[in-house]
């Protein structure tokens, strides 16, 4: 590179760029260009160029501080991508599971009930069930099952009394528990 300042081109003069400003061509996909334009408008920028210029300057500053050294952190990025994929799979499995089915696969759940002392399995199970953590899951599953059974005519609900198995006799006496 030369120490000499580059001269402004005729085109730059023609469009009215200041002497400190120059033109740089960028060839993104149409999709990215449209996304950048939408983001620029949402952020209140007058032009996509100004928006991209500020993004580039921010990214350069972040990289200098060590925040964007992607090539140095590729393994961490891959590890996080795998974790995201696993969590998405878990979410999909949970959405597809049968109501009332409780699936405890995450080690964080079980390890919260452990201490630095050895505990019998029954003690751990008692701690898990007594904690109330499962109450919402079980409550929702039981409630959904009761409504499904009511739609099928297998159970009945009466205000003030609760639920019972359905009888053929519609006038059957309500038995209090």
N, C-alpha and C. Protein backbone atom coordinates (compact mmCIF):
# COMPACT_ATOMS: atom_id res chain seq x y z
N UNK A 1 0.84 -1.18 0.00
CA UNK A 1 0.00 0.00 0.00
C UNK A 1 0.87 1.24 0.00
N UNK A 2 0.39 2.24 -0.59
CA UNK A 2 1.12 3.49 -0.69
C UNK A 2 0.70 4.43 0.43
N UNK A 3 1.64 5.29 0.85
CA UNK A 3 1.33 6.27 1.90
C UNK A 3 0.49 7.41 1.34
N UNK A 4 0.38 7.47 0.06
CA UNK A 4 -0.34 8.54 -0.62
C UNK A 4 -1.85 8.33 -0.47
N UNK A 5 -2.59 9.39 -0.20
CA UNK A 5 -4.05 9.32 -0.08
C UNK A 5 -4.65 8.96 -1.43
N UNK A 6 -5.61 8.01 -1.48
CA UNK A 6 -6.24 7.69 -2.75
C UNK A 6 -7.07 8.87 -3.23
N UNK A 7 -7.13 9.03 -4.52
CA UNK A 7 -7.89 10.12 -5.13
C UNK A 7 -9.35 9.70 -5.30
N UNK A 8 -10.24 10.65 -5.15
CA UNK A 8 -11.65 10.39 -5.31
C UNK A 8 -11.95 10.19 -6.79
N UNK A 9 -12.79 9.17 -7.07
CA UNK A 9 -13.14 8.89 -8.46
C UNK A 9 -14.21 9.87 -8.94
N UNK A 10 -14.40 9.89 -10.25
CA UNK A 10 -15.43 10.76 -10.82
C UNK A 10 -16.81 10.37 -10.29
N UNK A 11 -17.05 9.08 -10.20
CA UNK A 11 -18.35 8.61 -9.71
C UNK A 11 -18.59 9.10 -8.29
N UNK A 12 -17.59 8.98 -7.41
CA UNK A 12 -17.74 9.44 -6.03
C UNK A 12 -18.01 10.94 -5.98
N UNK A 13 -17.34 11.70 -6.86
CA UNK A 13 -17.61 13.13 -6.96
C UNK A 13 -19.05 13.36 -7.41
N UNK A 14 -19.46 12.59 -8.42
CA UNK A 14 -20.77 12.76 -9.03
C UNK A 14 -21.90 12.51 -8.03
N UNK A 15 -21.77 11.45 -7.20
CA UNK A 15 -22.84 11.13 -6.24
C UNK A 15 -22.74 11.96 -4.98
N UNK A 16 -21.68 12.74 -4.84
CA UNK A 16 -21.58 13.66 -3.72
C UNK A 16 -20.96 13.07 -2.46
N UNK A 17 -20.14 12.04 -2.60
CA UNK A 17 -19.48 11.48 -1.43
C UNK A 17 -18.39 12.45 -0.97
N UNK A 18 -18.23 12.54 0.32
CA UNK A 18 -17.18 13.42 0.83
C UNK A 18 -15.83 12.81 0.51
N UNK A 19 -14.79 13.60 0.67
CA UNK A 19 -13.43 13.15 0.35
C UNK A 19 -12.99 11.98 1.23
N UNK A 20 -13.55 11.88 2.45
CA UNK A 20 -13.16 10.80 3.38
C UNK A 20 -13.94 9.51 3.12
N UNK A 21 -14.89 9.56 2.24
CA UNK A 21 -15.77 8.43 1.99
C UNK A 21 -15.45 7.79 0.65
N UNK A 22 -15.60 6.47 0.59
CA UNK A 22 -15.41 5.76 -0.66
C UNK A 22 -16.46 4.68 -0.82
N UNK A 23 -16.49 4.10 -1.96
CA UNK A 23 -17.45 3.07 -2.32
C UNK A 23 -16.81 1.69 -2.14
N UNK A 24 -17.54 0.76 -1.51
CA UNK A 24 -17.08 -0.62 -1.38
C UNK A 24 -18.23 -1.51 -1.83
N UNK A 25 -17.97 -2.40 -2.76
CA UNK A 25 -19.00 -3.30 -3.27
C UNK A 25 -19.11 -4.52 -2.36
N UNK A 26 -20.34 -4.96 -2.15
CA UNK A 26 -20.62 -6.13 -1.33
C UNK A 26 -21.66 -6.95 -2.09
N UNK A 27 -21.45 -8.25 -2.21
CA UNK A 27 -22.33 -9.09 -3.00
C UNK A 27 -22.97 -10.20 -2.15
N UNK A 28 -23.93 -9.84 -1.30
CA UNK A 28 -24.60 -10.87 -0.48
C UNK A 28 -25.72 -11.55 -1.26
N UNK A 29 -26.28 -12.59 -0.66
CA UNK A 29 -27.46 -13.21 -1.28
C UNK A 29 -28.61 -12.21 -1.19
N UNK A 30 -29.58 -12.36 -2.07
CA UNK A 30 -30.74 -11.46 -2.04
C UNK A 30 -31.44 -11.53 -0.69
N UNK A 31 -31.52 -12.73 -0.16
CA UNK A 31 -32.19 -12.93 1.12
C UNK A 31 -31.51 -12.11 2.21
N UNK A 32 -30.19 -12.20 2.29
CA UNK A 32 -29.47 -11.43 3.31
C UNK A 32 -29.62 -9.93 3.08
N UNK A 33 -29.54 -9.51 1.83
CA UNK A 33 -29.67 -8.08 1.52
C UNK A 33 -31.04 -7.56 1.96
N UNK A 34 -32.09 -8.37 1.72
CA UNK A 34 -33.44 -7.97 2.13
C UNK A 34 -33.55 -7.93 3.65
N UNK A 35 -32.98 -8.94 4.33
CA UNK A 35 -33.00 -8.97 5.79
C UNK A 35 -32.29 -7.75 6.36
N UNK A 36 -31.13 -7.41 5.80
CA UNK A 36 -30.37 -6.26 6.28
C UNK A 36 -31.15 -4.96 6.08
N UNK A 37 -31.86 -4.86 4.96
CA UNK A 37 -32.64 -3.66 4.70
C UNK A 37 -33.77 -3.54 5.72
N UNK A 38 -34.46 -4.67 6.00
CA UNK A 38 -35.54 -4.66 6.99
C UNK A 38 -34.99 -4.28 8.37
N UNK A 39 -33.85 -4.86 8.74
CA UNK A 39 -33.25 -4.54 10.04
C UNK A 39 -32.87 -3.07 10.11
N UNK A 40 -32.31 -2.54 9.03
CA UNK A 40 -31.91 -1.13 9.00
C UNK A 40 -33.13 -0.24 9.21
N UNK A 41 -34.23 -0.57 8.52
CA UNK A 41 -35.45 0.22 8.67
C UNK A 41 -36.00 0.11 10.08
N UNK A 42 -36.01 -1.11 10.64
CA UNK A 42 -36.52 -1.31 12.00
C UNK A 42 -35.69 -0.55 13.03
N UNK A 43 -34.39 -0.44 12.78
CA UNK A 43 -33.49 0.25 13.70
C UNK A 43 -33.45 1.76 13.45
N UNK A 44 -34.16 2.22 12.43
CA UNK A 44 -34.24 3.65 12.16
C UNK A 44 -33.07 4.23 11.38
N UNK A 45 -32.34 3.39 10.67
CA UNK A 45 -31.23 3.89 9.84
C UNK A 45 -31.78 4.41 8.53
N UNK A 46 -31.16 5.46 8.02
CA UNK A 46 -31.58 6.03 6.76
C UNK A 46 -31.17 5.20 5.56
N UNK A 47 -30.15 4.36 5.76
CA UNK A 47 -29.68 3.55 4.64
C UNK A 47 -29.13 2.23 5.17
N UNK A 48 -29.14 1.27 4.29
CA UNK A 48 -28.57 -0.04 4.62
C UNK A 48 -27.06 0.09 4.78
N UNK A 49 -26.43 0.96 3.98
CA UNK A 49 -24.98 1.14 4.06
C UNK A 49 -24.55 1.60 5.45
N UNK A 50 -25.26 2.58 5.98
CA UNK A 50 -24.91 3.10 7.31
C UNK A 50 -25.09 2.00 8.37
N UNK A 51 -26.18 1.24 8.24
CA UNK A 51 -26.45 0.14 9.15
C UNK A 51 -25.33 -0.91 9.10
N UNK A 52 -24.95 -1.33 7.89
CA UNK A 52 -23.89 -2.33 7.73
C UNK A 52 -22.55 -1.80 8.22
N UNK A 53 -22.28 -0.53 7.96
CA UNK A 53 -21.02 0.08 8.41
C UNK A 53 -20.92 -0.01 9.94
N UNK A 54 -22.01 0.36 10.63
CA UNK A 54 -21.98 0.30 12.10
C UNK A 54 -21.86 -1.14 12.60
N UNK A 55 -22.55 -2.07 11.95
CA UNK A 55 -22.43 -3.48 12.35
C UNK A 55 -20.99 -3.97 12.19
N UNK A 56 -20.36 -3.59 11.09
CA UNK A 56 -18.98 -4.01 10.84
C UNK A 56 -18.06 -3.42 11.91
N UNK A 57 -18.25 -2.16 12.22
CA UNK A 57 -17.41 -1.52 13.25
C UNK A 57 -17.61 -2.19 14.61
N UNK A 58 -18.85 -2.51 14.95
CA UNK A 58 -19.14 -3.21 16.21
C UNK A 58 -18.48 -4.58 16.24
N UNK A 59 -18.57 -5.30 15.12
CA UNK A 59 -17.98 -6.64 15.04
C UNK A 59 -16.46 -6.56 15.15
N UNK A 60 -15.86 -5.57 14.53
CA UNK A 60 -14.41 -5.41 14.62
C UNK A 60 -13.99 -5.16 16.07
N UNK A 61 -14.73 -4.31 16.76
CA UNK A 61 -14.41 -4.02 18.16
C UNK A 61 -14.58 -5.27 19.01
N UNK A 62 -15.64 -6.02 18.76
CA UNK A 62 -15.87 -7.25 19.52
C UNK A 62 -14.78 -8.27 19.24
N UNK A 63 -14.37 -8.39 18.00
CA UNK A 63 -13.30 -9.33 17.65
C UNK A 63 -11.99 -8.95 18.32
N UNK A 64 -11.69 -7.65 18.36
CA UNK A 64 -10.46 -7.18 19.02
C UNK A 64 -10.47 -7.51 20.51
N UNK A 65 -11.65 -7.55 21.10
CA UNK A 65 -11.77 -7.89 22.52
C UNK A 65 -11.84 -9.41 22.73
N UNK A 66 -11.81 -10.17 21.64
CA UNK A 66 -11.81 -11.63 21.74
C UNK A 66 -13.19 -12.26 21.77
N UNK A 67 -14.24 -11.49 21.46
CA UNK A 67 -15.59 -12.04 21.52
C UNK A 67 -15.98 -12.80 20.28
N UNK A 68 -15.36 -12.52 19.15
CA UNK A 68 -15.80 -13.12 17.90
C UNK A 68 -14.75 -13.99 17.22
N UNK A 69 -13.84 -14.52 17.95
CA UNK A 69 -12.79 -15.34 17.34
C UNK A 69 -13.38 -16.71 17.02
N UNK A 70 -14.25 -16.75 16.01
CA UNK A 70 -14.96 -17.97 15.63
C UNK A 70 -14.01 -19.11 15.32
N UNK A 71 -12.98 -18.83 14.54
CA UNK A 71 -12.07 -19.89 14.13
C UNK A 71 -11.39 -20.52 15.34
N UNK A 72 -11.19 -19.76 16.41
CA UNK A 72 -10.56 -20.30 17.61
C UNK A 72 -11.56 -21.07 18.46
N UNK A 73 -12.84 -20.82 18.27
CA UNK A 73 -13.86 -21.44 19.11
C UNK A 73 -14.77 -22.40 18.34
N UNK A 74 -14.32 -22.88 17.20
CA UNK A 74 -15.17 -23.74 16.39
C UNK A 74 -15.63 -24.97 17.15
N UNK A 75 -14.78 -25.57 17.95
CA UNK A 75 -15.18 -26.77 18.69
C UNK A 75 -16.26 -26.43 19.70
N UNK A 76 -16.15 -25.28 20.34
CA UNK A 76 -17.17 -24.85 21.31
C UNK A 76 -18.49 -24.58 20.58
N UNK A 77 -18.41 -23.96 19.42
CA UNK A 77 -19.61 -23.67 18.63
C UNK A 77 -20.27 -24.98 18.23
N UNK A 78 -19.49 -25.94 17.76
CA UNK A 78 -20.03 -27.25 17.37
C UNK A 78 -20.67 -27.95 18.56
N UNK A 79 -20.01 -27.87 19.71
CA UNK A 79 -20.54 -28.48 20.93
C UNK A 79 -21.89 -27.85 21.30
N UNK A 80 -21.98 -26.53 21.22
CA UNK A 80 -23.23 -25.84 21.53
C UNK A 80 -24.31 -26.16 20.50
N UNK A 81 -23.92 -26.28 19.23
CA UNK A 81 -24.90 -26.65 18.21
C UNK A 81 -25.47 -28.04 18.46
N UNK A 82 -24.61 -28.97 18.87
CA UNK A 82 -25.08 -30.32 19.21
C UNK A 82 -26.03 -30.29 20.40
N UNK A 83 -25.71 -29.46 21.40
CA UNK A 83 -26.55 -29.32 22.58
C UNK A 83 -27.91 -28.75 22.19
N UNK A 84 -27.92 -27.75 21.31
CA UNK A 84 -29.17 -27.16 20.84
C UNK A 84 -30.00 -28.22 20.11
N UNK A 85 -29.36 -29.00 19.25
CA UNK A 85 -30.06 -30.06 18.52
C UNK A 85 -30.64 -31.09 19.49
N UNK A 86 -29.87 -31.44 20.53
CA UNK A 86 -30.35 -32.41 21.52
C UNK A 86 -31.56 -31.85 22.27
N UNK A 87 -31.49 -30.58 22.65
CA UNK A 87 -32.62 -29.96 23.34
C UNK A 87 -33.85 -29.86 22.45
N UNK A 88 -33.64 -29.59 21.15
CA UNK A 88 -34.76 -29.56 20.21
C UNK A 88 -35.38 -30.94 20.08
N UNK A 89 -34.55 -31.98 20.04
CA UNK A 89 -35.06 -33.35 19.98
C UNK A 89 -35.85 -33.68 21.24
N UNK A 90 -35.31 -33.28 22.41
CA UNK A 90 -36.00 -33.52 23.68
C UNK A 90 -37.35 -32.82 23.70
N UNK A 91 -37.39 -31.59 23.21
CA UNK A 91 -38.64 -30.84 23.17
C UNK A 91 -39.64 -31.53 22.26
N UNK A 92 -39.18 -31.97 21.10
CA UNK A 92 -40.07 -32.67 20.17
C UNK A 92 -40.59 -33.97 20.78
N UNK A 93 -39.70 -34.72 21.47
CA UNK A 93 -40.13 -35.95 22.14
C UNK A 93 -41.18 -35.65 23.20
N UNK A 94 -40.97 -34.57 23.96
CA UNK A 94 -41.92 -34.20 25.01
C UNK A 94 -43.27 -33.84 24.40
N UNK A 95 -43.25 -33.15 23.27
CA UNK A 95 -44.51 -32.77 22.61
C UNK A 95 -45.24 -34.00 22.08
N UNK A 96 -44.49 -35.01 21.67
CA UNK A 96 -45.10 -36.21 21.09
C UNK A 96 -45.42 -37.29 22.12
N UNK A 97 -45.04 -37.09 23.37
CA UNK A 97 -45.27 -38.13 24.37
C UNK A 97 -46.74 -38.18 24.77
N UNK A 98 -47.14 -39.31 25.28
CA UNK A 98 -48.51 -39.50 25.72
C UNK A 98 -48.77 -38.67 26.98
N UNK A 99 -49.99 -38.14 27.13
CA UNK A 99 -50.31 -37.42 28.36
C UNK A 99 -50.13 -38.33 29.56
N UNK A 100 -49.58 -37.82 30.61
CA UNK A 100 -49.37 -38.60 31.82
C UNK A 100 -48.04 -39.31 31.85
N UNK A 101 -47.35 -39.33 30.71
CA UNK A 101 -46.06 -39.99 30.64
C UNK A 101 -44.98 -39.03 31.15
N UNK A 102 -44.29 -39.42 32.19
CA UNK A 102 -43.26 -38.55 32.76
C UNK A 102 -41.90 -39.11 32.38
N UNK A 103 -41.12 -38.29 31.74
CA UNK A 103 -39.82 -38.70 31.24
C UNK A 103 -38.75 -37.83 31.88
N UNK A 104 -37.97 -38.41 32.78
CA UNK A 104 -36.94 -37.64 33.46
C UNK A 104 -35.59 -38.12 32.94
N UNK A 105 -35.05 -37.37 31.96
CA UNK A 105 -33.80 -37.76 31.34
C UNK A 105 -32.64 -36.85 31.69
N UNK A 106 -32.93 -35.65 32.12
CA UNK A 106 -31.85 -34.70 32.35
C UNK A 106 -31.20 -34.92 33.72
N UNK A 107 -29.90 -35.07 33.69
CA UNK A 107 -29.18 -35.37 34.92
C UNK A 107 -29.33 -34.28 35.96
N UNK A 108 -29.54 -33.02 35.52
CA UNK A 108 -29.69 -31.92 36.47
C UNK A 108 -30.88 -32.14 37.38
N UNK A 109 -31.94 -32.76 36.85
CA UNK A 109 -33.14 -33.00 37.66
C UNK A 109 -32.82 -33.92 38.84
N UNK A 110 -32.23 -35.05 38.55
CA UNK A 110 -31.96 -36.04 39.60
C UNK A 110 -30.86 -35.57 40.55
N UNK A 111 -29.82 -34.95 40.00
CA UNK A 111 -28.70 -34.56 40.85
C UNK A 111 -29.06 -33.47 41.85
N UNK A 112 -30.15 -32.74 41.61
CA UNK A 112 -30.55 -31.72 42.58
C UNK A 112 -31.01 -32.35 43.89
N UNK A 113 -31.34 -33.61 43.86
CA UNK A 113 -31.81 -34.30 45.07
C UNK A 113 -30.70 -35.10 45.76
N UNK A 114 -29.49 -35.05 45.23
CA UNK A 114 -28.38 -35.77 45.83
C UNK A 114 -27.54 -34.84 46.68
N UNK A 115 -26.84 -35.43 47.63
CA UNK A 115 -25.92 -34.66 48.48
C UNK A 115 -24.55 -35.33 48.41
N UNK A 116 -23.62 -34.90 49.24
CA UNK A 116 -22.30 -35.53 49.25
C UNK A 116 -22.29 -36.82 50.06
N UNK A 117 -23.42 -37.19 50.65
CA UNK A 117 -23.55 -38.44 51.40
C UNK A 117 -24.30 -39.47 50.57
N UNK A 118 -24.01 -40.76 50.84
CA UNK A 118 -24.74 -41.83 50.15
C UNK A 118 -26.18 -41.86 50.65
N UNK A 119 -27.11 -42.11 49.71
CA UNK A 119 -28.52 -42.19 50.06
C UNK A 119 -29.13 -43.41 49.39
N UNK A 120 -30.01 -44.06 50.09
CA UNK A 120 -30.74 -45.19 49.53
C UNK A 120 -31.66 -44.67 48.42
N UNK A 121 -31.94 -45.53 47.45
CA UNK A 121 -32.82 -45.15 46.35
C UNK A 121 -34.18 -44.68 46.86
N UNK A 122 -34.73 -45.39 47.83
CA UNK A 122 -36.05 -45.04 48.36
C UNK A 122 -36.05 -43.63 48.95
N UNK A 123 -34.94 -43.23 49.57
CA UNK A 123 -34.84 -41.88 50.15
C UNK A 123 -34.85 -40.84 49.03
N UNK A 124 -34.09 -41.11 47.97
CA UNK A 124 -34.05 -40.19 46.84
C UNK A 124 -35.44 -40.08 46.21
N UNK A 125 -36.09 -41.23 46.01
CA UNK A 125 -37.43 -41.24 45.42
C UNK A 125 -38.42 -40.46 46.28
N UNK A 126 -38.32 -40.63 47.59
CA UNK A 126 -39.18 -39.90 48.52
C UNK A 126 -38.92 -38.39 48.41
N UNK A 127 -37.66 -38.01 48.30
CA UNK A 127 -37.33 -36.58 48.15
C UNK A 127 -37.89 -36.01 46.85
N UNK A 128 -37.77 -36.77 45.77
CA UNK A 128 -38.27 -36.30 44.47
C UNK A 128 -39.78 -36.13 44.52
N UNK A 129 -40.49 -37.17 44.98
CA UNK A 129 -41.95 -37.10 45.00
C UNK A 129 -42.47 -36.12 46.03
N UNK A 130 -41.76 -35.93 47.12
CA UNK A 130 -42.20 -35.01 48.16
C UNK A 130 -41.87 -33.55 47.87
N UNK A 131 -41.05 -33.31 46.87
CA UNK A 131 -40.62 -31.95 46.58
C UNK A 131 -41.71 -31.11 45.92
N UNK A 132 -42.69 -31.76 45.31
CA UNK A 132 -43.73 -31.03 44.62
C UNK A 132 -43.36 -30.68 43.18
N UNK A 133 -42.14 -31.00 42.76
CA UNK A 133 -41.69 -30.69 41.41
C UNK A 133 -42.56 -31.39 40.37
N UNK A 134 -42.97 -32.59 40.67
CA UNK A 134 -43.75 -33.37 39.71
C UNK A 134 -45.24 -33.09 39.77
N UNK A 135 -45.68 -32.34 40.78
CA UNK A 135 -47.10 -32.10 40.98
C UNK A 135 -47.77 -31.51 39.75
N UNK A 136 -47.18 -30.48 39.16
CA UNK A 136 -47.78 -29.85 37.99
C UNK A 136 -47.89 -30.80 36.82
N UNK A 137 -46.85 -31.59 36.59
CA UNK A 137 -46.84 -32.54 35.48
C UNK A 137 -47.93 -33.59 35.69
N UNK A 138 -47.98 -34.15 36.91
CA UNK A 138 -48.96 -35.19 37.22
C UNK A 138 -50.36 -34.60 37.19
N UNK A 139 -50.56 -33.43 37.76
CA UNK A 139 -51.87 -32.77 37.81
C UNK A 139 -52.41 -32.57 36.40
N UNK A 140 -51.58 -32.00 35.52
CA UNK A 140 -52.03 -31.75 34.15
C UNK A 140 -52.39 -33.04 33.43
N UNK A 141 -51.56 -34.08 33.62
CA UNK A 141 -51.81 -35.35 32.95
C UNK A 141 -53.09 -36.00 33.45
N UNK A 142 -53.32 -35.98 34.77
CA UNK A 142 -54.53 -36.59 35.35
C UNK A 142 -55.76 -35.81 34.89
N UNK A 143 -55.67 -34.48 34.93
CA UNK A 143 -56.80 -33.65 34.53
C UNK A 143 -57.16 -33.90 33.05
N UNK A 144 -56.15 -33.95 32.20
CA UNK A 144 -56.40 -34.19 30.78
C UNK A 144 -57.03 -35.56 30.56
N UNK A 145 -56.54 -36.56 31.30
CA UNK A 145 -57.09 -37.91 31.18
C UNK A 145 -58.55 -37.95 31.64
N UNK A 146 -58.87 -37.26 32.74
CA UNK A 146 -60.25 -37.23 33.22
C UNK A 146 -61.19 -36.61 32.18
N UNK A 147 -60.78 -35.50 31.58
CA UNK A 147 -61.62 -34.87 30.55
C UNK A 147 -61.78 -35.77 29.33
N UNK A 148 -60.71 -36.46 28.94
CA UNK A 148 -60.81 -37.40 27.81
C UNK A 148 -61.79 -38.52 28.14
N UNK A 149 -61.69 -39.06 29.36
CA UNK A 149 -62.60 -40.14 29.77
C UNK A 149 -64.04 -39.64 29.85
N UNK A 150 -64.23 -38.40 30.28
CA UNK A 150 -65.58 -37.83 30.35
C UNK A 150 -66.17 -37.71 28.94
N UNK A 151 -65.37 -37.30 27.97
CA UNK A 151 -65.84 -37.20 26.60
C UNK A 151 -66.25 -38.57 26.06
N UNK A 152 -65.58 -39.61 26.52
CA UNK A 152 -65.90 -40.97 26.10
C UNK A 152 -67.05 -41.57 26.90
N UNK A 153 -67.53 -40.82 27.91
CA UNK A 153 -68.63 -41.30 28.73
C UNK A 153 -68.21 -42.32 29.78
N UNK A 154 -66.95 -42.44 30.07
CA UNK A 154 -66.46 -43.43 31.04
C UNK A 154 -66.43 -42.90 32.46
N UNK A 155 -66.34 -41.58 32.62
CA UNK A 155 -66.38 -40.95 33.94
C UNK A 155 -67.34 -39.77 33.90
N UNK A 156 -67.76 -39.33 35.08
CA UNK A 156 -68.69 -38.20 35.19
C UNK A 156 -68.14 -37.22 36.21
N UNK A 157 -68.56 -35.96 36.03
CA UNK A 157 -68.17 -34.91 36.97
C UNK A 157 -69.44 -34.22 37.45
N UNK A 158 -69.50 -33.96 38.75
CA UNK A 158 -70.63 -33.22 39.29
C UNK A 158 -70.08 -32.13 40.19
N UNK A 159 -70.51 -30.88 39.90
CA UNK A 159 -70.06 -29.73 40.67
C UNK A 159 -70.31 -29.97 42.16
N UNK A 160 -69.30 -29.72 42.97
CA UNK A 160 -69.43 -29.87 44.41
C UNK A 160 -69.12 -31.27 44.91
N UNK A 161 -69.09 -32.25 44.01
CA UNK A 161 -68.82 -33.63 44.42
C UNK A 161 -67.51 -34.15 43.83
N UNK A 162 -67.27 -33.83 42.55
CA UNK A 162 -66.05 -34.29 41.91
C UNK A 162 -66.29 -35.31 40.83
N UNK A 163 -65.35 -36.22 40.69
CA UNK A 163 -65.35 -37.21 39.62
C UNK A 163 -65.74 -38.59 40.12
N UNK A 164 -66.33 -39.39 39.23
CA UNK A 164 -66.62 -40.79 39.52
C UNK A 164 -66.71 -41.57 38.22
N UNK A 165 -66.68 -42.90 38.35
CA UNK A 165 -66.90 -43.75 37.19
C UNK A 165 -68.33 -43.56 36.72
N UNK A 166 -68.53 -43.57 35.44
CA UNK A 166 -69.88 -43.37 34.89
C UNK A 166 -70.72 -44.61 35.11
N UNK A 167 -72.02 -44.39 35.37
CA UNK A 167 -72.98 -45.48 35.51
C UNK A 167 -73.99 -45.36 34.39
N UNK A 168 -74.60 -46.49 34.05
CA UNK A 168 -75.64 -46.47 33.04
C UNK A 168 -76.85 -45.71 33.54
N UNK A 169 -77.12 -45.80 34.84
CA UNK A 169 -78.26 -45.15 35.46
C UNK A 169 -77.92 -43.67 35.68
N UNK A 170 -78.54 -42.78 34.94
CA UNK A 170 -78.22 -41.35 35.02
C UNK A 170 -78.65 -40.78 36.36
N UNK A 171 -79.62 -41.41 37.04
CA UNK A 171 -80.09 -40.88 38.32
C UNK A 171 -79.42 -41.57 39.50
N UNK A 172 -78.29 -42.24 39.29
CA UNK A 172 -77.61 -42.96 40.37
C UNK A 172 -77.26 -41.99 41.49
N UNK A 173 -77.36 -42.49 42.70
CA UNK A 173 -77.12 -41.67 43.89
C UNK A 173 -75.64 -41.30 43.97
N UNK A 174 -75.37 -40.08 44.36
CA UNK A 174 -74.01 -39.62 44.52
C UNK A 174 -73.47 -40.16 45.82
N UNK A 175 -72.38 -40.88 45.76
CA UNK A 175 -71.75 -41.47 46.94
C UNK A 175 -70.61 -40.57 47.35
N UNK A 176 -70.64 -40.07 48.59
CA UNK A 176 -69.57 -39.22 49.08
C UNK A 176 -68.46 -40.08 49.61
N UNK A 177 -67.23 -39.66 49.34
CA UNK A 177 -66.06 -40.41 49.78
C UNK A 177 -65.65 -39.97 51.15
